[in-house]
Protein backbone atom coordinates (compact mmCIF):
# COMPACT_ATOMS: atom_id res chain seq x y z
CA MET A 1 28.89 48.10 267.20
CA ASP A 2 31.38 51.07 266.46
CA VAL A 3 34.09 48.57 265.48
CA VAL A 4 31.66 46.91 262.96
CA VAL A 5 30.77 50.13 261.79
CA GLY A 6 34.42 51.02 261.52
CA ILE A 7 35.30 48.15 259.43
CA GLY A 8 32.39 48.51 257.08
CA LEU A 9 33.14 52.05 256.47
CA GLY A 10 36.75 51.22 256.45
CA PHE A 11 35.63 48.36 253.42
CA PHE A 12 33.05 50.87 251.55
CA GLY A 13 36.40 53.29 251.59
CA TRP A 14 38.84 50.57 250.25
CA LEU A 15 36.08 49.79 247.83
CA LEU A 16 35.49 52.69 246.32
CA VAL A 17 38.88 53.90 246.02
CA ARG A 18 39.84 50.59 244.70
CA CYS A 19 36.93 50.11 242.08
CA VAL A 20 36.15 53.60 241.47
CA LEU A 21 38.47 56.33 241.82
CA SER A 22 41.45 53.90 240.84
CA GLY A 23 39.44 52.71 237.72
CA PHE A 24 39.85 55.76 235.83
CA TYR A 25 42.70 56.35 233.13
CA THR A 26 43.86 58.07 229.97
CA VAL A 27 46.06 57.39 227.00
CA ASP A 28 48.07 60.05 225.74
CA GLN A 29 48.48 61.31 222.63
CA ASN A 30 51.30 58.94 221.52
CA GLN A 31 49.93 56.34 223.26
CA ARG A 32 47.25 53.03 222.60
CA ALA A 33 45.80 51.09 224.80
CA VAL A 34 44.67 47.20 224.67
CA LYS A 35 42.20 45.82 227.93
CA THR A 36 41.94 42.74 228.82
CA VAL A 37 39.08 40.97 230.96
CA PHE A 38 40.27 38.20 233.16
CA GLY A 39 43.60 38.05 230.89
CA ARG A 40 41.67 37.84 227.67
CA ALA A 41 42.32 41.01 225.47
CA GLN A 42 38.96 42.16 224.10
CA ARG A 43 39.08 40.95 220.42
CA LEU A 44 37.07 42.22 217.30
CA GLY A 45 35.21 39.28 216.96
CA GLU A 46 36.82 36.64 215.03
CA LEU A 47 38.94 38.70 212.63
CA THR A 48 42.60 38.04 212.74
CA THR A 49 45.80 39.87 210.67
CA LEU A 50 45.07 37.36 207.68
CA ASP A 51 41.97 39.58 207.31
CA ASP A 52 44.20 43.16 207.12
CA PRO A 53 46.53 44.39 204.43
CA ILE A 54 49.53 44.01 206.51
CA ALA A 55 49.55 40.28 206.12
CA GLU A 56 49.58 40.66 201.95
CA SER A 57 53.26 40.67 202.55
CA LEU A 58 53.23 37.33 204.05
CA THR A 59 53.92 33.71 202.45
CA GLY A 60 52.11 30.83 202.12
CA ASP A 61 53.58 29.00 205.30
CA GLN A 62 54.05 32.37 207.42
CA ARG A 63 50.49 33.16 207.19
CA GLU A 64 49.87 29.78 208.57
CA ARG A 65 52.40 30.56 211.53
CA TYR A 66 51.67 34.48 212.30
CA VAL A 67 48.11 34.66 212.86
CA TYR A 68 46.93 36.91 215.36
CA PRO A 69 43.31 38.17 216.35
CA GLN A 70 42.64 41.44 216.30
CA VAL A 71 42.04 43.64 219.45
CA ARG A 72 39.87 46.72 220.43
CA VAL A 73 42.29 49.61 220.56
CA ILE A 74 41.86 52.54 222.87
CA PRO A 75 42.83 55.48 221.48
CA PRO A 76 44.07 58.47 222.97
CA GLY A 77 41.70 60.80 225.09
CA GLY A 78 39.50 59.76 228.25
CA PRO A 79 38.98 59.37 231.64
CA TYR A 80 38.42 56.03 230.38
CA PHE A 81 37.08 53.33 233.21
CA LYS A 82 38.27 50.09 234.17
CA TRP A 83 36.80 47.17 236.62
CA PRO A 84 39.56 45.87 239.01
CA TRP A 85 39.23 42.49 237.23
CA GLU A 86 40.57 44.46 234.11
CA ARG A 87 44.38 45.38 232.86
CA ILE A 88 45.38 48.05 230.56
CA TYR A 89 48.29 47.36 228.78
CA LYS A 90 49.39 51.27 227.63
CA VAL A 91 52.00 51.31 224.50
CA SER A 92 53.89 54.10 222.54
CA VAL A 93 53.65 54.43 219.05
CA ALA A 94 55.48 57.20 218.57
CA THR A 95 58.47 56.63 215.94
CA GLU A 96 62.07 55.71 217.07
CA THR A 97 65.59 55.84 215.72
CA VAL A 98 67.98 53.19 217.02
CA ASN A 99 71.79 52.27 216.40
CA MET A 100 71.66 49.12 214.14
CA ALA A 101 74.39 47.48 215.96
CA TYR A 102 72.40 47.73 219.15
CA ASP A 103 71.87 44.15 220.95
CA PRO A 104 69.17 44.79 223.59
CA GLN A 105 69.49 41.39 225.17
CA ASN A 106 73.42 42.27 225.40
CA PRO A 107 74.18 45.68 225.05
CA SER A 108 77.75 44.72 224.91
CA ALA A 109 77.23 42.77 221.85
CA ASN A 110 79.03 44.03 218.70
CA HIS A 111 81.61 46.37 219.56
CA GLU A 112 79.65 48.02 222.69
CA GLY A 113 76.68 48.65 219.85
CA THR A 114 78.97 51.06 217.79
CA PHE A 115 79.67 48.36 214.24
CA LEU A 116 78.27 45.55 212.81
CA GLU A 117 79.90 42.66 211.71
CA ALA A 118 79.20 41.13 208.52
CA VAL A 119 81.29 38.91 206.01
CA THR A 120 81.31 39.43 201.94
CA LYS A 121 81.13 37.21 199.50
CA ASP A 122 84.94 37.17 199.19
CA GLN A 123 85.49 36.40 202.64
CA LEU A 124 86.02 39.91 203.82
CA ASN A 125 85.18 40.86 207.72
CA THR A 126 83.50 44.39 207.12
CA GLY A 127 82.05 47.07 209.79
CA LEU A 128 78.36 48.20 209.28
CA THR A 129 77.17 51.50 210.65
CA GLY A 130 73.64 52.78 210.41
CA GLN A 131 70.22 53.62 212.07
CA ILE A 132 66.47 51.88 211.84
CA ARG A 133 63.65 53.84 212.44
CA TYR A 134 60.67 51.42 213.75
CA GLN A 135 57.65 52.09 215.91
CA VAL A 136 54.62 49.54 217.13
CA SER A 137 52.03 48.59 214.81
CA GLU A 138 48.32 49.72 216.25
CA ARG A 139 46.90 47.24 213.49
CA ASN A 140 48.69 44.25 215.32
CA LEU A 141 49.24 45.24 218.85
CA TYR A 142 48.44 41.49 219.84
CA ALA A 143 51.71 40.33 218.61
CA TYR A 144 53.25 42.90 220.39
CA LEU A 145 51.53 42.52 223.52
CA PHE A 146 50.97 38.93 223.62
CA GLY A 147 52.41 37.13 220.93
CA VAL A 148 56.14 37.59 221.27
CA ARG A 149 58.05 37.85 225.06
CA HIS A 150 60.50 40.40 223.17
CA PRO A 151 59.36 42.04 220.26
CA PHE A 152 61.84 44.37 220.04
CA ALA A 153 64.85 41.96 220.39
CA HIS A 154 62.96 39.72 217.61
CA ILE A 155 62.79 42.59 215.50
CA MET A 156 66.61 44.12 215.74
CA GLY A 157 67.51 40.03 214.86
CA TYR A 158 65.23 39.67 212.27
CA PHE A 159 66.87 42.34 210.73
CA VAL A 160 70.74 41.65 211.29
CA SER A 161 69.68 38.36 209.86
CA ILE A 162 68.41 39.61 206.63
CA LEU A 163 71.05 42.43 206.24
CA ARG A 164 73.81 39.45 206.75
CA GLU A 165 72.65 37.63 204.20
CA ARG A 166 72.42 39.82 202.16
CA ILE A 167 75.75 41.39 202.44
CA ALA A 168 76.76 37.65 201.60
CA THR A 169 75.29 37.41 198.82
CA PHE A 170 75.41 40.76 197.32
CA GLU A 171 76.41 41.23 193.64
CA ALA A 172 76.39 44.80 191.78
CA PRO A 173 73.64 45.25 189.60
CA GLY A 174 74.83 44.96 185.87
CA VAL A 175 75.71 48.01 183.89
CA ALA A 176 75.42 48.63 180.63
CA GLY A 177 78.40 49.47 178.08
CA ASP A 178 80.88 47.47 176.01
CA ASP A 179 82.28 44.16 177.53
CA GLU A 180 85.87 44.97 177.05
CA THR A 181 85.48 48.29 178.50
CA LEU A 182 83.67 47.13 181.68
CA ALA A 183 86.32 44.50 182.42
CA ALA A 184 88.91 47.11 182.10
CA THR A 185 87.34 49.70 184.47
CA SER A 186 86.15 47.02 187.09
CA VAL A 187 87.73 45.48 190.14
CA GLU A 188 86.93 41.88 190.56
CA GLY A 189 86.43 40.22 193.40
CA ILE A 190 86.06 42.90 195.62
CA SER A 191 82.63 43.04 196.85
CA ILE A 192 83.29 45.78 199.39
CA ASN A 193 83.88 48.14 196.84
CA ASP A 194 79.93 47.34 194.85
CA LEU A 195 78.37 47.62 198.27
CA ARG A 196 79.63 51.01 198.95
CA LYS A 197 78.87 52.04 195.55
CA ASN A 198 75.47 50.84 195.88
CA LEU A 199 74.21 51.61 199.32
CA ARG A 200 70.95 53.15 198.45
CA ASP A 201 69.83 49.54 196.47
CA LEU A 202 70.93 47.62 199.98
CA ASN A 203 69.04 50.12 201.86
CA GLU A 204 66.06 49.73 199.61
CA HIS A 205 66.30 45.98 199.38
CA MET A 206 66.27 45.72 203.34
CA ASP A 207 62.87 47.84 203.85
CA LYS A 208 61.50 45.83 201.19
CA GLU A 209 62.37 42.53 202.89
CA CYS A 210 61.63 44.00 206.47
CA HIS A 211 58.12 45.11 205.07
CA SER A 212 56.06 41.73 206.80
CA SER A 213 57.57 42.87 210.54
CA ALA A 214 54.25 44.63 210.94
CA ALA A 215 52.59 41.01 210.51
CA ARG A 216 55.17 39.22 212.28
CA TYR A 217 56.13 40.41 215.65
CA GLY A 218 53.78 44.00 215.94
CA MET A 219 56.29 46.18 214.95
CA VAL A 220 57.43 48.50 211.59
CA LEU A 221 60.54 48.79 210.44
CA GLU A 222 59.71 52.58 208.42
CA ALA A 223 63.02 52.99 207.27
CA SER A 224 67.26 51.93 207.15
CA LEU A 225 69.66 53.96 206.76
CA ILE A 226 73.18 52.05 206.27
CA THR A 227 75.67 55.13 206.26
CA GLY A 228 78.88 52.98 206.76
CA ILE A 229 80.88 50.14 205.44
CA ASP A 230 84.37 49.74 206.28
CA PRO A 231 86.99 46.76 205.78
CA PRO A 232 89.41 45.69 208.68
CA ALA A 233 92.22 48.09 209.29
CA GLU A 234 94.86 45.62 208.28
CA VAL A 235 93.26 45.40 204.66
CA GLU A 236 92.06 49.00 204.67
CA SER A 237 95.82 50.25 202.85
CA ALA A 238 95.69 47.55 200.21
CA LEU A 239 92.22 48.07 199.79
CA ALA A 240 93.06 52.06 199.10
CA ALA A 241 95.89 50.92 196.76
CA ILE A 242 94.07 48.56 194.58
CA ASN A 243 91.26 51.45 194.25
CA THR A 244 93.96 54.07 193.83
CA ALA A 245 95.31 52.02 191.04
CA HIS A 246 91.82 51.54 189.45
CA ASN A 247 91.07 55.18 189.62
CA HIS A 248 94.37 55.68 187.70
CA VAL A 249 93.19 53.04 185.14
CA SER A 250 89.73 54.23 185.07
CA SER A 251 91.08 58.19 184.18
CA ASP A 252 93.46 56.59 181.44
CA ILE A 253 90.79 54.93 179.55
CA SER A 254 88.59 58.03 180.26
CA LEU A 255 91.53 60.07 178.64
CA ALA A 256 92.34 57.55 175.63
CA THR A 257 88.11 57.33 175.08
CA ALA A 258 87.92 61.08 175.24
CA ALA A 259 91.25 61.61 172.39
CA ALA A 260 89.54 58.37 170.30
CA ASP A 261 86.45 60.67 170.29
CA GLN A 262 87.84 63.71 169.35
CA ARG A 263 89.48 61.82 166.44
CA ILE A 264 86.69 60.67 165.11
CA VAL A 265 84.77 64.06 165.14
CA GLU A 266 87.68 65.64 163.58
CA SER A 267 87.95 62.85 160.94
CA ARG A 268 84.25 63.66 160.25
CA ARG A 269 84.47 66.94 159.63
CA ALA A 270 87.34 66.64 157.39
CA VAL A 271 85.61 64.34 155.69
CA GLU A 272 82.80 67.19 154.79
CA ILE A 273 84.66 69.88 154.04
CA GLU A 274 86.55 68.07 151.38
CA THR A 275 83.17 66.83 150.59
CA LEU A 276 82.03 70.29 149.69
CA LYS A 277 85.30 71.52 148.07
CA ALA A 278 84.33 68.65 145.74
CA GLU A 279 81.20 69.71 145.49
CA ALA A 280 82.03 72.94 144.66
CA GLU A 281 83.97 72.17 141.82
CA VAL A 282 81.53 69.80 140.05
CA GLU A 283 78.97 72.86 140.51
CA PRO A 284 80.15 75.20 137.27
CA LEU A 285 80.57 71.59 135.32
CA ARG A 286 77.09 70.44 135.79
CA ARG A 287 75.75 74.38 135.35
CA LEU A 288 78.04 74.35 132.11
CA THR A 289 76.20 70.81 130.83
CA ALA A 290 73.04 72.36 131.46
CA GLN A 291 73.60 75.27 129.34
CA LEU A 292 75.00 73.50 126.60
CA THR A 293 72.33 70.86 126.70
CA GLU A 294 69.84 73.78 126.09
CA LEU A 295 71.90 75.72 123.62
CA GLN A 296 71.98 72.58 121.71
CA SER A 297 68.10 72.13 121.85
CA THR A 298 67.68 75.74 120.17
CA GLY A 299 69.37 74.57 117.00
CA ARG A 300 73.14 74.23 115.46
CA PRO A 301 73.80 77.96 114.60
CA ALA A 302 73.79 78.50 118.38
CA MET A 303 75.76 76.31 119.47
CA LEU A 304 78.47 76.97 116.72
CA ALA A 305 78.30 80.72 118.15
CA TYR A 306 78.96 79.44 121.46
CA VAL A 307 81.98 77.66 120.13
CA ARG A 308 83.31 80.51 118.33
CA ASN A 309 82.84 82.65 121.35
CA ALA A 310 84.33 80.20 123.43
CA LYS A 311 87.68 79.99 121.22
CA LEU A 312 87.80 83.73 121.00
CA ALA A 313 88.14 84.13 124.91
CA LEU A 314 90.85 81.34 124.57
CA PHE A 315 92.54 83.11 121.82
CA SER A 316 92.75 86.22 123.90
CA ASN A 317 94.47 85.02 126.79
CA ALA A 318 97.03 82.59 124.95
CA ARG A 319 100.43 83.84 124.02
CA ARG A 320 100.99 81.53 120.99
CA VAL A 321 98.46 79.45 118.74
CA ILE A 322 99.13 76.55 116.48
CA THR A 323 96.50 75.62 113.89
CA GLU A 324 96.20 73.31 111.34
CA VAL A 325 96.50 74.43 107.62
CA LYS A 326 94.85 72.94 105.38
CA SER A 327 96.19 72.20 102.09
């Protein structure tokens, strides 16, 4: 009898610990949790990710492929309670940063995760360095926990494939200006120079293209920061020489343009000065014409008096006068 009572008490104690005491749990501040009942996640009715704004970036065929149910997310706090047939999946939603050359499935890849290789449109093998900032999407935890086996590996592969495709097809945006000047100052066929000059555009393009990652894999690529694009060591010196020559040509063109602009400005100033001189010489004649016209309007005697006075002024300055004598 005592054995039966002991077994009963032991079973009751085990049941108390297993079903009650161990059923309490908490969720940290930077975590979110999802509960499953007999292996099925608790869902929000019939809602799917297509009913959420995160699916707006998906194309038509992608909307058919990436359809996940919306699940009930347990917020930070507690204590919460679960039964033995229920299971809690906790996920950190903190923002994290990783080297973009890191391969989670093969850490030794990409030169031990130091830089990522990509081929440009002119068949130049370049090394890319930078970082990716990401976090788990709280609005699509089903895809992260149950839809994709290795979501981080998927998101890294997705990012790398888009980046390599962009590097292989990248062309510098057009620059406004004279066609002849652009032809003389551009380094034709060297796409790595275009990439280096347009790192900001490249990063913005990656952020835009990766916007659908939350709806695809349940992870958000918040930002990508590509910091370096380097050619192979064997072509670095040749590329440096080309860039140096290009800089010299650009400098000579800039100096020639500045000198030409200066000459044009000086010519314009000279024309303005000569024009002002001519106007200064013509102005007394205009005033004299106006005075004579006014005198003529007052009558012939006034005009004759003016002519007489003008002759007297001339005679006073002349050394010799020759006049016609009437016979």
